Amino acid sequence: MPVPDKVTITVTGQIYKLRDNLYGASGWYDRVPVATVDLPVEKAP
């Protein structure tokens, strides 16, 4: 299996809403990605 050149990590955030728009209940809701990091990968000997 070939080793990839890089690994991409995406960090997402969440927001807390006291009342949502549909049910009026509180909860944590996903948001769009807030950061992306590309890490180089090297094959170990």
PDB file of N, CA and C in Angstrom:
ATOM      1  N   MET A   1       0.854  -1.176   0.000  1.00  0.00           N
ATOM      2  CA  MET A   1       0.000   0.000   0.000  1.00  0.00           C
ATOM      3  C   MET A   1       0.898   1.236   0.000  1.00  0.00           C
ATOM      4  N   PRO A   2       0.679   2.179  -0.892  1.00  0.00           N
ATOM      5  CA  PRO A   2       1.527   3.379  -0.950  1.00  0.00           C
ATOM      6  C   PRO A   2       1.262   4.323   0.219  1.00  0.00           C
ATOM      7  N   VAL A   3       2.312   5.011   0.650  1.00  0.00           N
ATOM      8  CA  VAL A   3       2.202   5.982   1.738  1.00  0.00           C
ATOM      9  C   VAL A   3       1.806   7.333   1.134  1.00  0.00           C
ATOM     10  N   PRO A   4       0.777   7.996   1.685  1.00  0.00           N
ATOM     11  CA  PRO A   4       0.370   9.286   1.131  1.00  0.00           C
ATOM     12  C   PRO A   4       1.415  10.362   1.429  1.00  0.00           C
ATOM     13  N   ASP A   5       1.421  11.428   0.632  1.00  0.00           N
ATOM     14  CA  ASP A   5       2.351  12.536   0.837  1.00  0.00           C
ATOM     15  C   ASP A   5       1.977  13.390   2.040  1.00  0.00           C
ATOM     16  N   LYS A   6       0.679  13.463   2.338  1.00  0.00           N
ATOM     17  CA  LYS A   6       0.220  14.291   3.448  1.00  0.00           C
ATOM     18  C   LYS A   6      -1.069  13.733   4.030  1.00  0.00           C
ATOM     19  N   VAL A   7      -1.373  14.179   5.246  1.00  0.00           N
ATOM     20  CA  VAL A   7      -2.631  13.859   5.913  1.00  0.00           C
ATOM     21  C   VAL A   7      -3.305  15.196   6.215  1.00  0.00           C
ATOM     22  N   THR A   8      -4.566  15.314   5.867  1.00  0.00           N
ATOM     23  CA  THR A   8      -5.304  16.544   6.114  1.00  0.00           C
ATOM     24  C   THR A   8      -6.218  16.348   7.314  1.00  0.00           C
ATOM     25  N   ILE A   9      -6.110  17.257   8.287  1.00  0.00           N
ATOM     26  CA  ILE A   9      -6.946  17.225   9.486  1.00  0.00           C
ATOM     27  C   ILE A   9      -7.829  18.467   9.466  1.00  0.00           C
ATOM     28  N   THR A  10      -9.122  18.265   9.643  1.00  0.00           N
ATOM     29  CA  THR A  10     -10.073  19.368   9.660  1.00  0.00           C
ATOM     30  C   THR A  10     -10.667  19.491  11.057  1.00  0.00           C
ATOM     31  N   VAL A  11     -10.643  20.704  11.599  1.00  0.00           N
ATOM     32  CA  VAL A  11     -11.184  20.989  12.929  1.00  0.00           C
ATOM     33  C   VAL A  11     -12.516  21.704  12.740  1.00  0.00           C
ATOM     34  N   THR A  12     -13.563  21.152  13.338  1.00  0.00           N
ATOM     35  CA  THR A  12     -14.877  21.790  13.250  1.00  0.00           C
ATOM     36  C   THR A  12     -15.245  22.370  14.608  1.00  0.00           C
ATOM     37  N   GLY A  13     -16.146  23.303  14.598  1.00  0.00           N
ATOM     38  CA  GLY A  13     -16.595  23.920  15.837  1.00  0.00           C
ATOM     39  C   GLY A  13     -18.056  23.602  16.081  1.00  0.00           C
ATOM     40  N   GLN A  14     -18.491  23.902  17.269  1.00  0.00           N
ATOM     41  CA  GLN A  14     -19.896  23.750  17.616  1.00  0.00           C
ATOM     42  C   GLN A  14     -20.365  25.017  18.312  1.00  0.00           C
ATOM     43  N   ILE A  15     -21.650  25.282  18.192  1.00  0.00           N
ATOM     44  CA  ILE A  15     -22.226  26.406  18.914  1.00  0.00           C
ATOM     45  C   ILE A  15     -23.314  25.875  19.840  1.00  0.00           C
ATOM     46  N   TYR A  16     -23.504  26.556  20.955  1.00  0.00           N
ATOM     47  CA  TYR A  16     -24.561  26.206  21.891  1.00  0.00           C
ATOM     48  C   TYR A  16     -25.682  27.212  21.717  1.00  0.00           C
ATOM     49  N   LYS A  17     -26.870  26.702  21.494  1.00  0.00           N
ATOM     50  CA  LYS A  17     -28.037  27.576  21.390  1.00  0.00           C
ATOM     51  C   LYS A  17     -28.981  27.249  22.538  1.00  0.00           C
ATOM     52  N   LEU A  18     -29.389  28.284  23.243  1.00  0.00           N
ATOM     53  CA  LEU A  18     -30.319  28.093  24.351  1.00  0.00           C
ATOM     54  C   LEU A  18     -31.659  27.569  23.839  1.00  0.00           C
ATOM     55  N   ARG A  19     -32.080  28.060  22.671  1.00  0.00           N
ATOM     56  CA  ARG A  19     -33.317  27.582  22.039  1.00  0.00           C
ATOM     57  C   ARG A  19     -33.081  27.447  20.543  1.00  0.00           C
ATOM     58  N   ASP A  20     -33.352  26.248  20.008  1.00  0.00           N
ATOM     59  CA  ASP A  20     -33.205  26.079  18.559  1.00  0.00           C
ATOM     60  C   ASP A  20     -34.446  26.628  17.852  1.00  0.00           C
ATOM     61  N   ASN A  21     -34.353  26.745  16.547  1.00  0.00           N
ATOM     62  CA  ASN A  21     -35.429  27.362  15.773  1.00  0.00           C
ATOM     63  C   ASN A  21     -36.629  26.445  15.545  1.00  0.00           C
ATOM     64  N   LEU A  22     -36.431  25.143  15.674  1.00  0.00           N
ATOM     65  CA  LEU A  22     -37.509  24.210  15.348  1.00  0.00           C
ATOM     66  C   LEU A  22     -38.309  23.780  16.571  1.00  0.00           C
ATOM     67  N   TYR A  23     -37.603  23.336  17.638  1.00  0.00           N
ATOM     68  CA  TYR A  23     -38.303  22.777  18.799  1.00  0.00           C
ATOM     69  C   TYR A  23     -38.264  23.672  20.029  1.00  0.00           C
ATOM     70  N   GLY A  24     -37.426  24.703  20.030  1.00  0.00           N
ATOM     71  CA  GLY A  24     -37.307  25.561  21.206  1.00  0.00           C
ATOM     72  C   GLY A  24     -36.479  24.921  22.310  1.00  0.00           C
ATOM     73  N   ALA A  25     -35.719  23.883  21.968  1.00  0.00           N
ATOM     74  CA  ALA A  25     -34.895  23.185  22.953  1.00  0.00           C
ATOM     75  C   ALA A  25     -33.447  23.656  22.842  1.00  0.00           C
ATOM     76  N   SER A  26     -32.695  23.495  23.924  1.00  0.00           N
ATOM     77  CA  SER A  26     -31.284  23.860  23.891  1.00  0.00           C
ATOM     78  C   SER A  26     -30.462  22.704  23.347  1.00  0.00           C
ATOM     79  N   GLY A  27     -29.242  23.024  22.877  1.00  0.00           N
ATOM     80  CA  GLY A  27     -28.382  21.960  22.391  1.00  0.00           C
ATOM     81  C   GLY A  27     -27.144  22.498  21.709  1.00  0.00           C
ATOM     82  N   TRP A  28     -26.242  21.571  21.392  1.00  0.00           N
ATOM     83  CA  TRP A  28     -25.008  21.882  20.670  1.00  0.00           C
ATOM     84  C   TRP A  28     -25.223  21.552  19.211  1.00  0.00           C
ATOM     85  N   TYR A  29     -24.810  22.459  18.334  1.00  0.00           N
ATOM     86  CA  TYR A  29     -25.032  22.275  16.901  1.00  0.00           C
ATOM     87  C   TYR A  29     -23.721  22.447  16.141  1.00  0.00           C
ATOM     88  N   ASP A  30     -23.533  21.599  15.138  1.00  0.00           N
ATOM     89  CA  ASP A  30     -22.307  21.636  14.338  1.00  0.00           C
ATOM     90  C   ASP A  30     -22.243  22.902  13.498  1.00  0.00           C
ATOM     91  N   ARG A  31     -21.010  23.334  13.273  1.00  0.00           N
ATOM     92  CA  ARG A  31     -20.762  24.483  12.403  1.00  0.00           C
ATOM     93  C   ARG A  31     -19.821  24.054  11.298  1.00  0.00           C
ATOM     94  N   VAL A  32     -19.531  24.963  10.432  1.00  0.00           N
ATOM     95  CA  VAL A  32     -18.608  24.691   9.330  1.00  0.00           C
ATOM     96  C   VAL A  32     -17.196  24.512   9.886  1.00  0.00           C
ATOM     97  N   PRO A  33     -16.297  23.903   9.121  1.00  0.00           N
ATOM     98  CA  PRO A  33     -14.913  23.760   9.581  1.00  0.00           C
ATOM     99  C   PRO A  33     -14.286  25.122   9.913  1.00  0.00           C
ATOM    100  N   VAL A  34     -13.525  25.166  11.003  1.00  0.00           N
ATOM    101  CA  VAL A  34     -12.881  26.417  11.422  1.00  0.00           C
ATOM    102  C   VAL A  34     -11.392  26.419  11.110  1.00  0.00           C
ATOM    103  N   ALA A  35     -10.804  25.242  10.858  1.00  0.00           N
ATOM    104  CA  ALA A  35      -9.375  25.169  10.533  1.00  0.00           C
ATOM    105  C   ALA A  35      -9.086  23.878   9.782  1.00  0.00           C
ATOM    106  N   THR A  36      -8.072  23.946   8.922  1.00  0.00           N
ATOM    107  CA  THR A  36      -7.589  22.772   8.208  1.00  0.00           C
ATOM    108  C   THR A  36      -6.072  22.762   8.283  1.00  0.00           C
ATOM    109  N   VAL A  37      -5.506  21.605   8.597  1.00  0.00           N
ATOM    110  CA  VAL A  37      -4.061  21.464   8.713  1.00  0.00           C
ATOM    111  C   VAL A  37      -3.607  20.322   7.815  1.00  0.00           C
ATOM    112  N   ASP A  38      -2.596  20.580   6.988  1.00  0.00           N
ATOM    113  CA  ASP A  38      -1.994  19.546   6.158  1.00  0.00           C
ATOM    114  C   ASP A  38      -0.660  19.137   6.801  1.00  0.00           C
ATOM    115  N   LEU A  39      -0.530  17.868   7.158  1.00  0.00           N
ATOM    116  CA  LEU A  39       0.686  17.370   7.796  1.00  0.00           C
ATOM    117  C   LEU A  39       1.443  16.476   6.821  1.00  0.00           C
ATOM    118  N   PRO A  40       2.734  16.735   6.634  1.00  0.00           N
ATOM    119  CA  PRO A  40       3.512  15.880   5.739  1.00  0.00           C
ATOM    120  C   PRO A  40       3.724  14.490   6.351  1.00  0.00           C
ATOM    121  N   VAL A  41       3.797  13.495   5.525  1.00  0.00           N
ATOM    122  CA  VAL A  41       4.002  12.117   5.976  1.00  0.00           C
ATOM    123  C   VAL A  41       5.285  11.597   5.351  1.00  0.00           C
ATOM    124  N   GLU A  42       6.114  10.982   6.194  1.00  0.00           N
ATOM    125  CA  GLU A  42       7.343  10.362   5.706  1.00  0.00           C
ATOM    126  C   GLU A  42       7.332   8.896   6.091  1.00  0.00           C
ATOM    127  N   LYS A  43       7.784   8.064   5.187  1.00  0.00           N
ATOM    128  CA  LYS A  43       7.836   6.634   5.448  1.00  0.00           C
ATOM    129  C   LYS A  43       9.012   6.347   6.368  1.00  0.00           C
ATOM    130  N   ALA A  44       8.746   5.627   7.462  1.00  0.00           N
ATOM    131  CA  ALA A  44       9.801   5.263   8.418  1.00  0.00           C
ATOM    132  C   ALA A  44      10.656   4.129   7.846  1.00  0.00           C
ATOM    133  N   PRO A  45      11.940   4.155   8.171  1.00  0.00           N
ATOM    134  CA  PRO A  45      12.818   3.075   7.636  1.00  0.00           C
ATOM    135  C   PRO A  45      12.491   1.713   8.228  1.00  0.00           C
TER     136      PRO A  45
END
